[in-house]
C-alpha atoms as a PDB file:
ATOM      1  CA  MET A   1      -6.527  11.239  -5.178  1.00  0.00           C
ATOM      2  CA  LEU A   2      -9.540   8.476  -4.926  1.00  0.00           C
ATOM      3  CA  SER A   3     -11.892   7.293  -1.936  1.00  0.00           C
ATOM      4  CA  VAL A   4     -11.049   4.080  -0.086  1.00  0.00           C
ATOM      5  CA  ASP A   5     -14.245   2.268  -1.733  1.00  0.00           C
ATOM      6  CA  ALA A   6     -13.000   3.468  -5.053  1.00  0.00           C
ATOM      7  CA  ASP A   7      -9.375   1.941  -3.971  1.00  0.00           C
ATOM      8  CA  ALA A   8     -11.027  -1.578  -3.093  1.00  0.00           C
ATOM      9  CA  LYS A   9     -12.394  -1.743  -6.220  1.00  0.00           C
ATOM     10  CA  GLN A  10      -9.798  -1.374  -8.341  1.00  0.00           C
ATOM     11  CA  ILE A  11      -7.380  -3.810  -6.141  1.00  0.00           C
ATOM     12  CA  SER A  12      -9.826  -6.223  -6.825  1.00  0.00           C
ATOM     13  CA  ARG A  13     -10.455  -5.956 -10.012  1.00  0.00           C
ATOM     14  CA  LEU A  14      -6.938  -6.278 -10.446  1.00  0.00           C
ATOM     15  CA  LEU A  15      -6.301  -9.083  -8.542  1.00  0.00           C
ATOM     16  CA  HIS A  16      -8.462 -11.316 -10.723  1.00  0.00           C
ATOM     17  CA  ALA A  17      -7.478  -9.660 -13.802  1.00  0.00           C
ATOM     18  CA  ALA A  18      -5.144 -12.795 -15.339  1.00  0.00           C
ATOM     19  CA  ALA A  19      -2.851 -10.122 -16.477  1.00  0.00           C
ATOM     20  CA  TRP A  20      -1.651  -8.787 -12.986  1.00  0.00           C
ATOM     21  CA  SER A  21       0.424  -9.827 -10.459  1.00  0.00           C
ATOM     22  CA  ALA A  22       1.136  -9.627  -7.029  1.00  0.00           C
ATOM     23  CA  ASP A  23       4.347  -7.954  -8.378  1.00  0.00           C
ATOM     24  CA  ASP A  24       2.565  -5.540 -10.179  1.00  0.00           C
ATOM     25  CA  ILE A  25       0.042  -4.378  -7.673  1.00  0.00           C
ATOM     26  CA  ASN A  26       3.276  -3.841  -5.258  1.00  0.00           C
ATOM     27  CA  ALA A  27       4.419  -1.938  -7.323  1.00  0.00           C
ATOM     28  CA  ILE A  28       1.756   0.603  -8.321  1.00  0.00           C
ATOM     29  CA  LEU A  29       0.569   0.591  -4.549  1.00  0.00           C
ATOM     30  CA  TRP A  30       4.448   1.549  -3.201  1.00  0.00           C
ATOM     31  CA  GLN A  31       4.473   3.987  -6.392  1.00  0.00           C
ATOM     32  CA  GLN A  32       1.022   5.599  -4.759  1.00  0.00           C
ATOM     33  CA  ALA A  33       2.975   5.616  -1.244  1.00  0.00           C
ATOM     34  CA  ASP A  34       5.437   7.276  -2.061  1.00  0.00           C
ATOM     35  CA  ALA A  35       3.776   9.873  -4.519  1.00  0.00           C
ATOM     36  CA  GLN A  36       1.408  10.858  -1.665  1.00  0.00           C
ATOM     37  CA  VAL A  37       4.591  10.925   1.254  1.00  0.00           C
ATOM     38  CA  HIS A  38       6.462  13.106  -1.258  1.00  0.00           C
ATOM     39  CA  ARG A  39       3.452  15.259  -1.415  1.00  0.00           C
ATOM     40  CA  LEU A  40       3.114  16.023   2.257  1.00  0.00           C
ATOM     41  CA  THR A  41       6.927  16.605   2.182  1.00  0.00           C
ATOM     42  CA  SER A  42       7.059  18.980   0.002  1.00  0.00           C
ATOM     43  CA  ALA A  43       3.892  21.023   1.657  1.00  0.00           C
ATOM     44  CA  GLY A  44       5.894  20.961   5.265  1.00  0.00           C
ATOM     45  CA  GLU A  45       3.621  17.957   6.031  1.00  0.00           C
ATOM     46  CA  PRO A  46       4.517  14.667   8.491  1.00  0.00           C
ATOM     47  CA  ALA A  47       3.929  11.405   6.211  1.00  0.00           C
ATOM     48  CA  VAL A  48       2.408   9.047   8.808  1.00  0.00           C
ATOM     49  CA  LEU A  49       1.904   5.376   8.877  1.00  0.00           C
ATOM     50  CA  VAL A  50      -0.312   3.777  10.187  1.00  0.00           C
ATOM     51  CA  TRP A  51       0.476   0.008  11.262  1.00  0.00           C
ATOM     52  CA  ASP A  52      -2.057  -2.788  12.952  1.00  0.00           C
ATOM     53  CA  GLY A  53      -0.218  -5.717  12.046  1.00  0.00           C
ATOM     54  CA  SER A  54      -3.632  -7.435  10.771  1.00  0.00           C
ATOM     55  CA  VAL A  55      -2.429  -8.871   7.461  1.00  0.00           C
ATOM     56  CA  TRP A  56       0.779 -10.680   8.691  1.00  0.00           C
ATOM     57  CA  LYS A  57      -0.334 -14.598   9.174  1.00  0.00           C
ATOM     58  CA  LYS A  58       2.324 -15.769  11.574  1.00  0.00           C
ATOM     59  CA  PRO A  59       4.113 -13.488  14.730  1.00  0.00           C
ATOM     60  CA  GLU A  60       7.581 -14.339  13.041  1.00  0.00           C
ATOM     61  CA  SER A  61       6.896 -12.678  10.111  1.00  0.00           C
ATOM     62  CA  GLN A  62       6.691  -9.286  12.332  1.00  0.00           C
ATOM     63  CA  ALA A  63      10.050 -10.106  14.009  1.00  0.00           C
ATOM     64  CA  ASN A  64      12.589  -7.171  13.464  1.00  0.00           C
ATOM     65  CA  PRO A  65      15.233  -8.898  11.545  1.00  0.00           C
ATOM     66  CA  GLU A  66      17.746  -6.177  13.128  1.00  0.00           C
END
């Protein structure tokens, strides 16, 4: 697993590459996160997500649809 700085550099390069779309990057990040959750749960460890909400631009985007 890469360090946070290395991950950020990779993401930055992908964002600036014309061949990659936001959906491509999202799919890769989702696959990496899913693999990490699988590794943790297979080892009997809890998988915890920290969400601070700072990436949302509009408060209504955070509303629970239920």
